[in-house]
């Protein structure tokens, strides 16, 4: 899989910003993996883990943050089915997305759309 180069601004940013940017790119293509992101940063998975730990973060936390931000963006389009949003965010099933969304926002995706976006 060919990787898209990071913009100069992102390349100079903190590791967490670079990882988040790469996660966003990978989500747009399908599944996200720590191995792929580490490889794109020219480091091992272990090195990536150590460097993120120095910033007080984990790959899983960054993935969760990117998914949450993108979910809120996708939810603005009321015509987009929830199952499609779940797929675009790399969730295996709508139920997994719904659980994550409820954890993030305190309400289900359907309730969020009907109450917050009406």
PDB file of N, CA and C in Angstrom:
ATOM      1  N   UNK A   1       0.838  -1.158   0.000  1.00  0.00           N
ATOM      2  CA  UNK A   1       0.000   0.000   0.000  1.00  0.00           C
ATOM      3  C   UNK A   1       0.892   1.233   0.000  1.00  0.00           C
ATOM      4  N   UNK A   2       0.746   2.092  -0.991  1.00  0.00           N
ATOM      5  CA  UNK A   2       1.552   3.294  -1.081  1.00  0.00           C
ATOM      6  C   UNK A   2       1.071   4.292  -0.042  1.00  0.00           C
ATOM      7  N   UNK A   3       2.014   4.925   0.617  1.00  0.00           N
ATOM      8  CA  UNK A   3       1.620   5.887   1.640  1.00  0.00           C
ATOM      9  C   UNK A   3       1.782   7.288   1.102  1.00  0.00           C
ATOM     10  N   UNK A   4       0.858   8.141   1.489  1.00  0.00           N
ATOM     11  CA  UNK A   4       0.867   9.534   1.092  1.00  0.00           C
ATOM     12  C   UNK A   4       1.832  10.272   2.011  1.00  0.00           C
ATOM     13  N   UNK A   5       2.725  11.099   1.465  1.00  0.00           N
ATOM     14  CA  UNK A   5       3.658  11.807   2.336  1.00  0.00           C
ATOM     15  C   UNK A   5       2.926  12.833   3.197  1.00  0.00           C
ATOM     16  N   UNK A   6       3.471  13.063   4.379  1.00  0.00           N
ATOM     17  CA  UNK A   6       2.897  14.060   5.268  1.00  0.00           C
ATOM     18  C   UNK A   6       3.249  15.449   4.763  1.00  0.00           C
ATOM     19  N   UNK A   7       2.358  16.406   5.002  1.00  0.00           N
ATOM     20  CA  UNK A   7       2.657  17.778   4.632  1.00  0.00           C
ATOM     21  C   UNK A   7       3.811  18.269   5.504  1.00  0.00           C
ATOM     22  N   UNK A   8       4.577  19.272   5.042  1.00  0.00           N
ATOM     23  CA  UNK A   8       5.707  19.769   5.840  1.00  0.00           C
ATOM     24  C   UNK A   8       5.291  20.215   7.247  1.00  0.00           C
ATOM     25  N   UNK A   9       4.091  20.816   7.375  1.00  0.00           N
ATOM     26  CA  UNK A   9       3.624  21.275   8.688  1.00  0.00           C
ATOM     27  C   UNK A   9       3.432  20.089   9.632  1.00  0.00           C
ATOM     28  N   UNK A  10       2.809  19.032   9.119  1.00  0.00           N
ATOM     29  CA  UNK A  10       2.552  17.850   9.939  1.00  0.00           C
ATOM     30  C   UNK A  10       3.863  17.142  10.257  1.00  0.00           C
ATOM     31  N   UNK A  11       4.784  17.100   9.293  1.00  0.00           N
ATOM     32  CA  UNK A  11       6.069  16.418   9.499  1.00  0.00           C
ATOM     33  C   UNK A  11       6.863  17.053  10.641  1.00  0.00           C
ATOM     34  N   UNK A  12       6.688  18.364  10.869  1.00  0.00           N
ATOM     35  CA  UNK A  12       7.409  19.051  11.946  1.00  0.00           C
ATOM     36  C   UNK A  12       6.646  19.016  13.272  1.00  0.00           C
ATOM     37  N   UNK A  13       5.433  18.556  13.255  1.00  0.00           N
ATOM     38  CA  UNK A  13       4.582  18.560  14.448  1.00  0.00           C
ATOM     39  C   UNK A  13       5.013  17.482  15.441  1.00  0.00           C
ATOM     40  N   UNK A  14       4.387  17.492  16.596  1.00  0.00           N
ATOM     41  CA  UNK A  14       4.680  16.480  17.604  1.00  0.00           C
ATOM     42  C   UNK A  14       4.314  15.106  17.060  1.00  0.00           C
ATOM     43  N   UNK A  15       4.862  14.093  17.678  1.00  0.00           N
ATOM     44  CA  UNK A  15       4.592  12.728  17.230  1.00  0.00           C
ATOM     45  C   UNK A  15       3.101  12.424  17.289  1.00  0.00           C
ATOM     46  N   UNK A  16       2.427  12.845  18.350  1.00  0.00           N
ATOM     47  CA  UNK A  16       1.000  12.545  18.470  1.00  0.00           C
ATOM     48  C   UNK A  16       0.192  13.178  17.340  1.00  0.00           C
ATOM     49  N   UNK A  17       0.556  14.367  16.913  1.00  0.00           N
ATOM     50  CA  UNK A  17      -0.137  15.017  15.797  1.00  0.00           C
ATOM     51  C   UNK A  17       0.128  14.252  14.506  1.00  0.00           C
ATOM     52  N   UNK A  18       1.368  13.827  14.307  1.00  0.00           N
ATOM     53  CA  UNK A  18       1.697  13.054  13.105  1.00  0.00           C
ATOM     54  C   UNK A  18       0.958  11.723  13.098  1.00  0.00           C
ATOM     55  N   UNK A  19       0.912  11.051  14.230  1.00  0.00           N
ATOM     56  CA  UNK A  19       0.211   9.764  14.319  1.00  0.00           C
ATOM     57  C   UNK A  19      -1.278   9.970  14.057  1.00  0.00           C
ATOM     58  N   UNK A  20      -1.867  10.995  14.641  1.00  0.00           N
ATOM     59  CA  UNK A  20      -3.291  11.279  14.418  1.00  0.00           C
ATOM     60  C   UNK A  20      -3.578  11.543  12.948  1.00  0.00           C
ATOM     61  N   UNK A  21      -2.694  12.275  12.302  1.00  0.00           N
ATOM     62  CA  UNK A  21      -2.851  12.554  10.876  1.00  0.00           C
ATOM     63  C   UNK A  21      -2.800  11.262  10.056  1.00  0.00           C
ATOM     64  N   UNK A  22      -1.855  10.400  10.380  1.00  0.00           N
ATOM     65  CA  UNK A  22      -1.739   9.122   9.670  1.00  0.00           C
ATOM     66  C   UNK A  22      -2.942   8.218   9.954  1.00  0.00           C
ATOM     67  N   UNK A  23      -3.446   8.253  11.166  1.00  0.00           N
ATOM     68  CA  UNK A  23      -4.642   7.481  11.499  1.00  0.00           C
ATOM     69  C   UNK A  23      -5.807   7.951  10.636  1.00  0.00           C
ATOM     70  N   UNK A  24      -5.970   9.247  10.501  1.00  0.00           N
ATOM     71  CA  UNK A  24      -7.047   9.793   9.669  1.00  0.00           C
ATOM     72  C   UNK A  24      -6.927   9.316   8.223  1.00  0.00           C
ATOM     73  N   UNK A  25      -5.703   9.350   7.703  1.00  0.00           N
ATOM     74  CA  UNK A  25      -5.489   8.884   6.331  1.00  0.00           C
ATOM     75  C   UNK A  25      -5.814   7.407   6.195  1.00  0.00           C
ATOM     76  N   UNK A  26      -5.395   6.604   7.177  1.00  0.00           N
ATOM     77  CA  UNK A  26      -5.652   5.169   7.122  1.00  0.00           C
ATOM     78  C   UNK A  26      -7.146   4.865   7.266  1.00  0.00           C
ATOM     79  N   UNK A  27      -7.847   5.587   8.119  1.00  0.00           N
ATOM     80  CA  UNK A  27      -9.287   5.375   8.269  1.00  0.00           C
ATOM     81  C   UNK A  27      -9.998   5.629   6.952  1.00  0.00           C
ATOM     82  N   UNK A  28      -9.539   6.630   6.217  1.00  0.00           N
ATOM     83  CA  UNK A  28     -10.158   6.945   4.927  1.00  0.00           C
ATOM     84  C   UNK A  28      -9.974   5.802   3.933  1.00  0.00           C
ATOM     85  N   UNK A  29      -8.941   5.007   4.124  1.00  0.00           N
ATOM     86  CA  UNK A  29      -8.660   3.879   3.212  1.00  0.00           C
ATOM     87  C   UNK A  29      -9.217   2.557   3.721  1.00  0.00           C
ATOM     88  N   UNK A  30      -9.659   2.521   4.958  1.00  0.00           N
ATOM     89  CA  UNK A  30     -10.152   1.265   5.522  1.00  0.00           C
ATOM     90  C   UNK A  30      -9.630   1.056   6.918  1.00  0.00           C
ATOM     91  N   UNK A  31      -9.031  -0.066   7.155  1.00  0.00           N
ATOM     92  CA  UNK A  31      -8.550  -0.433   8.501  1.00  0.00           C
ATOM     93  C   UNK A  31      -7.300   0.349   8.886  1.00  0.00           C
ATOM     94  N   UNK A  32      -7.179   0.581  10.174  1.00  0.00           N
ATOM     95  CA  UNK A  32      -6.014   1.265  10.733  1.00  0.00           C
ATOM     96  C   UNK A  32      -5.230   0.259  11.558  1.00  0.00           C
ATOM     97  N   UNK A  33      -3.927   0.282  11.379  1.00  0.00           N
ATOM     98  CA  UNK A  33      -3.085  -0.605  12.168  1.00  0.00           C
ATOM     99  C   UNK A  33      -1.860   0.120  12.685  1.00  0.00           C
ATOM    100  N   UNK A  34      -1.491  -0.186  13.902  1.00  0.00           N
ATOM    101  CA  UNK A  34      -0.332   0.447  14.509  1.00  0.00           C
ATOM    102  C   UNK A  34       0.935   0.106  13.720  1.00  0.00           C
ATOM    103  N   UNK A  35       0.993  -1.101  13.180  1.00  0.00           N
ATOM    104  CA  UNK A  35       2.179  -1.500  12.398  1.00  0.00           C
ATOM    105  C   UNK A  35       2.345  -0.621  11.157  1.00  0.00           C
ATOM    106  N   UNK A  36       1.244  -0.346  10.477  1.00  0.00           N
ATOM    107  CA  UNK A  36       1.292   0.480   9.259  1.00  0.00           C
ATOM    108  C   UNK A  36       1.724   1.905   9.608  1.00  0.00           C
ATOM    109  N   UNK A  37       1.128   2.454  10.655  1.00  0.00           N
ATOM    110  CA  UNK A  37       1.467   3.824  11.061  1.00  0.00           C
ATOM    111  C   UNK A  37       2.931   3.904  11.488  1.00  0.00           C
ATOM    112  N   UNK A  38       3.378   2.946  12.276  1.00  0.00           N
ATOM    113  CA  UNK A  38       4.785   2.932  12.707  1.00  0.00           C
ATOM    114  C   UNK A  38       5.704   2.866  11.495  1.00  0.00           C
ATOM    115  N   UNK A  39       5.367   2.013  10.552  1.00  0.00           N
ATOM    116  CA  UNK A  39       6.168   1.874   9.339  1.00  0.00           C
ATOM    117  C   UNK A  39       6.228   3.192   8.567  1.00  0.00           C
ATOM    118  N   UNK A  40       5.115   3.893   8.481  1.00  0.00           N
ATOM    119  CA  UNK A  40       5.090   5.169   7.773  1.00  0.00           C
ATOM    120  C   UNK A  40       5.947   6.231   8.469  1.00  0.00           C
ATOM    121  N   UNK A  41       6.144   6.040   9.752  1.00  0.00           N
ATOM    122  CA  UNK A  41       7.002   6.954  10.513  1.00  0.00           C
ATOM    123  C   UNK A  41       8.438   6.441  10.599  1.00  0.00           C
ATOM    124  N   UNK A  42       8.705   5.341   9.902  1.00  0.00           N
ATOM    125  CA  UNK A  42      10.036   4.732   9.846  1.00  0.00           C
ATOM    126  C   UNK A  42      10.544   4.327  11.230  1.00  0.00           C
ATOM    127  N   UNK A  43       9.651   3.663  11.971  1.00  0.00           N
ATOM    128  CA  UNK A  43      10.044   3.142  13.278  1.00  0.00           C
ATOM    129  C   UNK A  43       9.275   1.864  13.561  1.00  0.00           C
ATOM    130  N   UNK A  44       9.742   1.135  14.539  1.00  0.00           N
ATOM    131  CA  UNK A  44       9.052  -0.098  14.922  1.00  0.00           C
ATOM    132  C   UNK A  44       7.828   0.244  15.763  1.00  0.00           C
ATOM    133  N   UNK A  45       6.966  -0.734  15.896  1.00  0.00           N
ATOM    134  CA  UNK A  45       5.784  -0.588  16.740  1.00  0.00           C
ATOM    135  C   UNK A  45       6.216  -0.268  18.182  1.00  0.00           C
ATOM    136  N   UNK A  46       7.237  -0.956  18.632  1.00  0.00           N
ATOM    137  CA  UNK A  46       7.742  -0.770  19.992  1.00  0.00           C
ATOM    138  C   UNK A  46       8.254   0.662  20.198  1.00  0.00           C
ATOM    139  N   UNK A  47       9.020   1.171  19.235  1.00  0.00           N
ATOM    140  CA  UNK A  47       9.556   2.532  19.325  1.00  0.00           C
ATOM    141  C   UNK A  47       8.417   3.544  19.326  1.00  0.00           C
ATOM    142  N   UNK A  48       7.429   3.335  18.474  1.00  0.00           N
ATOM    143  CA  UNK A  48       6.268   4.223  18.439  1.00  0.00           C
ATOM    144  C   UNK A  48       5.582   4.224  19.805  1.00  0.00           C
ATOM    145  N   UNK A  49       5.388   3.049  20.364  1.00  0.00           N
ATOM    146  CA  UNK A  49       4.754   2.931  21.673  1.00  0.00           C
ATOM    147  C   UNK A  49       5.543   3.710  22.739  1.00  0.00           C
ATOM    148  N   UNK A  50       6.865   3.545  22.747  1.00  0.00           N
ATOM    149  CA  UNK A  50       7.711   4.233  23.730  1.00  0.00           C
ATOM    150  C   UNK A  50       7.627   5.749  23.572  1.00  0.00           C
ATOM    151  N   UNK A  51       7.691   6.222  22.331  1.00  0.00           N
ATOM    152  CA  UNK A  51       7.678   7.664  22.093  1.00  0.00           C
ATOM    153  C   UNK A  51       6.322   8.276  22.440  1.00  0.00           C
ATOM    154  N   UNK A  52       5.250   7.565  22.133  1.00  0.00           N
ATOM    155  CA  UNK A  52       3.924   8.070  22.497  1.00  0.00           C
ATOM    156  C   UNK A  52       3.764   8.095  24.022  1.00  0.00           C
ATOM    157  N   UNK A  53       4.320   7.089  24.679  1.00  0.00           N
ATOM    158  CA  UNK A  53       4.241   7.016  26.138  1.00  0.00           C
ATOM    159  C   UNK A  53       4.919   8.236  26.763  1.00  0.00           C
ATOM    160  N   UNK A  54       6.002   8.706  26.154  1.00  0.00           N
ATOM    161  CA  UNK A  54       6.686   9.908  26.648  1.00  0.00           C
ATOM    162  C   UNK A  54       5.777  11.138  26.563  1.00  0.00           C
ATOM    163  N   UNK A  55       4.855  11.133  25.599  1.00  0.00           N
ATOM    164  CA  UNK A  55       3.884  12.232  25.469  1.00  0.00           C
ATOM    165  C   UNK A  55       2.642  11.964  26.318  1.00  0.00           C
ATOM    166  N   UNK A  56       2.653  10.835  27.046  1.00  0.00           N
ATOM    167  CA  UNK A  56       1.514  10.498  27.893  1.00  0.00           C
ATOM    168  C   UNK A  56       0.334   9.945  27.123  1.00  0.00           C
ATOM    169  N   UNK A  57       0.601   9.356  25.963  1.00  0.00           N
ATOM    170  CA  UNK A  57      -0.468   8.860  25.087  1.00  0.00           C
ATOM    171  C   UNK A  57      -0.220   7.421  24.665  1.00  0.00           C
ATOM    172  N   UNK A  58      -1.252   6.829  24.088  1.00  0.00           N
ATOM    173  CA  UNK A  58      -1.139   5.505  23.475  1.00  0.00           C
ATOM    174  C   UNK A  58      -1.737   5.579  22.078  1.00  0.00           C
ATOM    175  N   UNK A  59      -1.394   4.608  21.255  1.00  0.00           N
ATOM    176  CA  UNK A  59      -1.960   4.543  19.915  1.00  0.00           C
ATOM    177  C   UNK A  59      -3.481   4.388  19.996  1.00  0.00           C
ATOM    178  N   UNK A  60      -3.932   3.535  20.903  1.00  0.00           N
ATOM    179  CA  UNK A  60      -5.372   3.299  21.054  1.00  0.00           C
ATOM    180  C   UNK A  60      -6.101   4.591  21.419  1.00  0.00           C
ATOM    181  N   UNK A  61      -5.501   5.386  22.285  1.00  0.00           N
ATOM    182  CA  UNK A  61      -6.123   6.662  22.680  1.00  0.00           C
ATOM    183  C   UNK A  61      -6.213   7.618  21.500  1.00  0.00           C
ATOM    184  N   UNK A  62      -5.148   7.695  20.705  1.00  0.00           N
ATOM    185  CA  UNK A  62      -5.168   8.568  19.528  1.00  0.00           C
ATOM    186  C   UNK A  62      -6.202   8.094  18.512  1.00  0.00           C
ATOM    187  N   UNK A  63      -6.278   6.782  18.305  1.00  0.00           N
ATOM    188  CA  UNK A  63      -7.271   6.223  17.384  1.00  0.00           C
ATOM    189  C   UNK A  63      -8.674   6.572  17.866  1.00  0.00           C
ATOM    190  N   UNK A  64      -8.909   6.422  19.137  1.00  0.00           N
ATOM    191  CA  UNK A  64     -10.213   6.748  19.721  1.00  0.00           C
ATOM    192  C   UNK A  64     -10.544   8.232  19.521  1.00  0.00           C
ATOM    193  N   UNK A  65      -9.580   9.109  19.749  1.00  0.00           N
ATOM    194  CA  UNK A  65      -9.799  10.548  19.584  1.00  0.00           C
ATOM    195  C   UNK A  65     -10.120  10.902  18.136  1.00  0.00           C
ATOM    196  N   UNK A  66      -9.382  10.317  17.196  1.00  0.00           N
ATOM    197  CA  UNK A  66      -9.631  10.585  15.775  1.00  0.00           C
ATOM    198  C   UNK A  66     -11.015  10.070  15.387  1.00  0.00           C
ATOM    199  N   UNK A  67     -11.349   8.868  15.826  1.00  0.00           N
ATOM    200  CA  UNK A  67     -12.673   8.312  15.516  1.00  0.00           C
ATOM    201  C   UNK A  67     -13.787   9.200  16.073  1.00  0.00           C
ATOM    202  N   UNK A  68     -13.623   9.682  17.300  1.00  0.00           N
ATOM    203  CA  UNK A  68     -14.645  10.536  17.912  1.00  0.00           C
ATOM    204  C   UNK A  68     -14.830  11.827  17.128  1.00  0.00           C
ATOM    205  N   UNK A  69     -13.725  12.474  16.784  1.00  0.00           N
ATOM    206  CA  UNK A  69     -13.816  13.723  16.008  1.00  0.00           C
ATOM    207  C   UNK A  69     -14.478  13.481  14.663  1.00  0.00           C
ATOM    208  N   UNK A  70     -14.054  12.419  13.975  1.00  0.00           N
ATOM    209  CA  UNK A  70     -14.633  12.142  12.665  1.00  0.00           C
ATOM    210  C   UNK A  70     -16.092  11.727  12.775  1.00  0.00           C
ATOM    211  N   UNK A  71     -16.438  10.990  13.827  1.00  0.00           N
ATOM    212  CA  UNK A  71     -17.836  10.592  14.021  1.00  0.00           C
ATOM    213  C   UNK A  71     -18.725  11.826  14.139  1.00  0.00           C
ATOM    214  N   UNK A  72     -18.289  12.800  14.916  1.00  0.00           N
ATOM    215  CA  UNK A  72     -19.088  14.016  15.076  1.00  0.00           C
ATOM    216  C   UNK A  72     -19.230  14.767  13.759  1.00  0.00           C
ATOM    217  N   UNK A  73     -18.189  14.748  12.955  1.00  0.00           N
ATOM    218  CA  UNK A  73     -18.266  15.380  11.631  1.00  0.00           C
ATOM    219  C   UNK A  73     -19.241  14.625  10.739  1.00  0.00           C
ATOM    220  N   UNK A  74     -19.101  13.308  10.675  1.00  0.00           N
ATOM    221  CA  UNK A  74     -19.982  12.492   9.832  1.00  0.00           C
ATOM    222  C   UNK A  74     -21.434  12.578  10.282  1.00  0.00           C
ATOM    223  N   UNK A  75     -21.670  12.710  11.569  1.00  0.00           N
ATOM    224  CA  UNK A  75     -23.040  12.750  12.089  1.00  0.00           C
ATOM    225  C   UNK A  75     -23.780  14.004  11.634  1.00  0.00           C
ATOM    226  N   UNK A  76     -23.057  15.032  11.217  1.00  0.00           N
ATOM    227  CA  UNK A  76     -23.707  16.255  10.731  1.00  0.00           C
ATOM    228  C   UNK A  76     -24.536  15.995   9.479  1.00  0.00           C
ATOM    229  N   UNK A  77     -24.133  15.002   8.693  1.00  0.00           N
ATOM    230  CA  UNK A  77     -24.872  14.639   7.483  1.00  0.00           C
ATOM    231  C   UNK A  77     -25.962  13.642   7.861  1.00  0.00           C
ATOM    232  N   UNK A  78     -27.169  14.147   8.059  1.00  0.00           N
ATOM    233  CA  UNK A  78     -28.269  13.296   8.518  1.00  0.00           C
ATOM    234  C   UNK A  78     -28.671  12.236   7.496  1.00  0.00           C
ATOM    235  N   UNK A  79     -28.259  12.404   6.243  1.00  0.00           N
ATOM    236  CA  UNK A  79     -28.613  11.415   5.219  1.00  0.00           C
ATOM    237  C   UNK A  79     -27.654  10.224   5.218  1.00  0.00           C
ATOM    238  N   UNK A  80     -26.532  10.366   5.898  1.00  0.00           N
ATOM    239  CA  UNK A  80     -25.542   9.287   5.935  1.00  0.00           C
ATOM    240  C   UNK A  80     -25.992   8.227   6.940  1.00  0.00           C
ATOM    241  N   UNK A  81     -26.191   6.997   6.487  1.00  0.00           N
ATOM    242  CA  UNK A  81     -26.617   5.942   7.415  1.00  0.00           C
ATOM    243  C   UNK A  81     -25.559   5.669   8.487  1.00  0.00           C
ATOM    244  N   UNK A  82     -26.030   5.347   9.686  1.00  0.00           N
ATOM    245  CA  UNK A  82     -25.119   5.065  10.799  1.00  0.00           C
ATOM    246  C   UNK A  82     -24.198   3.897  10.490  1.00  0.00           C
ATOM    247  N   UNK A  83     -24.696   2.914   9.774  1.00  0.00           N
ATOM    248  CA  UNK A  83     -23.859   1.755   9.436  1.00  0.00           C
ATOM    249  C   UNK A  83     -22.691   2.185   8.534  1.00  0.00           C
ATOM    250  N   UNK A  84     -22.928   3.153   7.671  1.00  0.00           N
ATOM    251  CA  UNK A  84     -21.864   3.672   6.801  1.00  0.00           C
ATOM    252  C   UNK A  84     -20.826   4.436   7.628  1.00  0.00           C
ATOM    253  N   UNK A  85     -21.294   5.213   8.588  1.00  0.00           N
ATOM    254  CA  UNK A  85     -20.372   5.931   9.475  1.00  0.00           C
ATOM    255  C   UNK A  85     -19.518   4.931  10.240  1.00  0.00           C
ATOM    256  N   UNK A  86     -20.150   3.891  10.764  1.00  0.00           N
ATOM    257  CA  UNK A  86     -19.417   2.858  11.504  1.00  0.00           C
ATOM    258  C   UNK A  86     -18.330   2.241  10.638  1.00  0.00           C
ATOM    259  N   UNK A  87     -18.653   1.926   9.393  1.00  0.00           N
ATOM    260  CA  UNK A  87     -17.661   1.352   8.463  1.00  0.00           C
ATOM    261  C   UNK A  87     -16.523   2.318   8.207  1.00  0.00           C
ATOM    262  N   UNK A  88     -16.847   3.576   7.954  1.00  0.00           N
ATOM    263  CA  UNK A  88     -15.819   4.573   7.648  1.00  0.00           C
ATOM    264  C   UNK A  88     -14.874   4.797   8.824  1.00  0.00           C
ATOM    265  N   UNK A  89     -15.345   4.534  10.019  1.00  0.00           N
ATOM    266  CA  UNK A  89     -14.514   4.711  11.207  1.00  0.00           C
ATOM    267  C   UNK A  89     -13.784   3.437  11.600  1.00  0.00           C
ATOM    268  N   UNK A  90     -13.971   2.379  10.810  1.00  0.00           N
ATOM    269  CA  UNK A  90     -13.236   1.141  11.055  1.00  0.00           C
ATOM    270  C   UNK A  90     -13.845   0.225  12.090  1.00  0.00           C
ATOM    271  N   UNK A  91     -15.123   0.436  12.416  1.00  0.00           N
ATOM    272  CA  UNK A  91     -15.792  -0.456  13.356  1.00  0.00           C
ATOM    273  C   UNK A  91     -16.309  -1.675  12.603  1.00  0.00           C
ATOM    274  N   UNK A  92     -16.217  -2.831  13.239  1.00  0.00           N
ATOM    275  CA  UNK A  92     -16.635  -4.073  12.596  1.00  0.00           C
ATOM    276  C   UNK A  92     -18.146  -4.165  12.465  1.00  0.00           C
ATOM    277  N   UNK A  93     -18.857  -3.547  13.384  1.00  0.00           N
ATOM    278  CA  UNK A  93     -20.324  -3.605  13.379  1.00  0.00           C
ATOM    279  C   UNK A  93     -20.896  -2.296  13.886  1.00  0.00           C
ATOM    280  N   UNK A  94     -22.146  -2.042  13.530  1.00  0.00           N
ATOM    281  CA  UNK A  94     -22.836  -0.852  14.003  1.00  0.00           C
ATOM    282  C   UNK A  94     -22.919  -0.844  15.525  1.00  0.00           C
ATOM    283  N   UNK A  95     -23.105  -2.004  16.129  1.00  0.00           N
ATOM    284  CA  UNK A  95     -23.235  -2.067  17.590  1.00  0.00           C
ATOM    285  C   UNK A  95     -21.945  -1.608  18.272  1.00  0.00           C
ATOM    286  N   UNK A  96     -20.801  -1.939  17.707  1.00  0.00           N
ATOM    287  CA  UNK A  96     -19.518  -1.502  18.280  1.00  0.00           C
ATOM    288  C   UNK A  96     -19.396   0.025  18.190  1.00  0.00           C
ATOM    289  N   UNK A  97     -19.796   0.588  17.057  1.00  0.00           N
ATOM    290  CA  UNK A  97     -19.787   2.043  16.901  1.00  0.00           C
ATOM    291  C   UNK A  97     -20.747   2.689  17.900  1.00  0.00           C
ATOM    292  N   UNK A  98     -21.938   2.121  18.032  1.00  0.00           N
ATOM    293  CA  UNK A  98     -22.941   2.682  18.946  1.00  0.00           C
ATOM    294  C   UNK A  98     -22.444   2.695  20.386  1.00  0.00           C
ATOM    295  N   UNK A  99     -21.792   1.621  20.815  1.00  0.00           N
ATOM    296  CA  UNK A  99     -21.234   1.574  22.177  1.00  0.00           C
ATOM    297  C   UNK A  99     -20.159   2.644  22.359  1.00  0.00           C
ATOM    298  N   UNK A 100     -19.281   2.763  21.373  1.00  0.00           N
ATOM    299  CA  UNK A 100     -18.211   3.772  21.454  1.00  0.00           C
ATOM    300  C   UNK A 100     -18.810   5.175  21.473  1.00  0.00           C
ATOM    301  N   UNK A 101     -19.778   5.427  20.614  1.00  0.00           N
ATOM    302  CA  UNK A 101     -20.387   6.756  20.540  1.00  0.00           C
ATOM    303  C   UNK A 101     -21.064   7.110  21.868  1.00  0.00           C
ATOM    304  N   UNK A 102     -21.737   6.143  22.448  1.00  0.00           N
ATOM    305  CA  UNK A 102     -22.406   6.383  23.730  1.00  0.00           C
ATOM    306  C   UNK A 102     -21.374   6.680  24.828  1.00  0.00           C
ATOM    307  N   UNK A 103     -20.238   6.007  24.781  1.00  0.00           N
ATOM    308  CA  UNK A 103     -19.155   6.258  25.736  1.00  0.00           C
ATOM    309  C   UNK A 103     -18.615   7.682  25.560  1.00  0.00           C
ATOM    310  N   UNK A 104     -18.471   8.122  24.299  1.00  0.00           N
ATOM    311  CA  UNK A 104     -17.925   9.446  24.016  1.00  0.00           C
ATOM    312  C   UNK A 104     -18.902  10.567  24.360  1.00  0.00           C
ATOM    313  N   UNK A 105     -20.172  10.380  23.958  1.00  0.00           N
ATOM    314  CA  UNK A 105     -21.125  11.478  24.005  1.00  0.00           C
ATOM    315  C   UNK A 105     -22.218  11.327  25.066  1.00  0.00           C
ATOM    316  N   UNK A 106     -22.300  10.147  25.680  1.00  0.00           N
ATOM    317  CA  UNK A 106     -23.315   9.934  26.699  1.00  0.00           C
ATOM    318  C   UNK A 106     -24.700   9.641  26.150  1.00  0.00           C
ATOM    319  N   UNK A 107     -24.805   9.460  24.847  1.00  0.00           N
ATOM    320  CA  UNK A 107     -26.078   9.165  24.199  1.00  0.00           C
ATOM    321  C   UNK A 107     -25.828   8.329  22.955  1.00  0.00           C
ATOM    322  N   UNK A 108     -26.833   7.627  22.483  1.00  0.00           N
ATOM    323  CA  UNK A 108     -26.670   6.804  21.281  1.00  0.00           C
ATOM    324  C   UNK A 108     -26.564   7.706  20.045  1.00  0.00           C
ATOM    325  N   UNK A 109     -26.002   7.193  18.957  1.00  0.00           N
ATOM    326  CA  UNK A 109     -25.915   8.003  17.736  1.00  0.00           C
ATOM    327  C   UNK A 109     -27.285   8.469  17.237  1.00  0.00           C
ATOM    328  N   UNK A 110     -28.283   7.605  17.295  1.00  0.00           N
ATOM    329  CA  UNK A 110     -29.620   7.975  16.822  1.00  0.00           C
ATOM    330  C   UNK A 110     -30.215   9.087  17.686  1.00  0.00           C
ATOM    331  N   UNK A 111     -30.063   8.962  19.021  1.00  0.00           N
ATOM    332  CA  UNK A 111     -30.561  10.009  19.915  1.00  0.00           C
ATOM    333  C   UNK A 111     -29.828  11.325  19.687  1.00  0.00           C
ATOM    334  N   UNK A 112     -28.523  11.235  19.503  1.00  0.00           N
ATOM    335  CA  UNK A 112     -27.699  12.426  19.261  1.00  0.00           C
ATOM    336  C   UNK A 112     -28.203  13.163  18.021  1.00  0.00           C
ATOM    337  N   UNK A 113     -28.450  12.413  16.958  1.00  0.00           N
ATOM    338  CA  UNK A 113     -28.941  13.022  15.726  1.00  0.00           C
ATOM    339  C   UNK A 113     -30.302  13.653  15.927  1.00  0.00           C
ATOM    340  N   UNK A 114     -31.195  12.976  16.595  1.00  0.00           N
ATOM    341  CA  UNK A 114     -32.552  13.505  16.727  1.00  0.00           C
ATOM    342  C   UNK A 114     -32.624  14.706  17.676  1.00  0.00           C
ATOM    343  N   UNK A 115     -31.820  14.705  18.731  1.00  0.00           N
ATOM    344  CA  UNK A 115     -31.885  15.780  19.716  1.00  0.00           C
ATOM    345  C   UNK A 115     -30.944  16.926  19.380  1.00  0.00           C
ATOM    346  N   UNK A 116     -29.692  16.617  19.153  1.00  0.00           N
ATOM    347  CA  UNK A 116     -28.679  17.669  18.975  1.00  0.00           C
ATOM    348  C   UNK A 116     -28.667  18.279  17.586  1.00  0.00           C
ATOM    349  N   UNK A 117     -29.084  17.521  16.599  1.00  0.00           N
ATOM    350  CA  UNK A 117     -28.974  18.019  15.228  1.00  0.00           C
ATOM    351  C   UNK A 117     -30.324  18.350  14.612  1.00  0.00           C
ATOM    352  N   UNK A 118     -31.350  18.483  15.432  1.00  0.00           N
ATOM    353  CA  UNK A 118     -32.672  18.789  14.872  1.00  0.00           C
ATOM    354  C   UNK A 118     -32.878  20.278  14.677  1.00  0.00           C
TER     355      UNK A 118
END
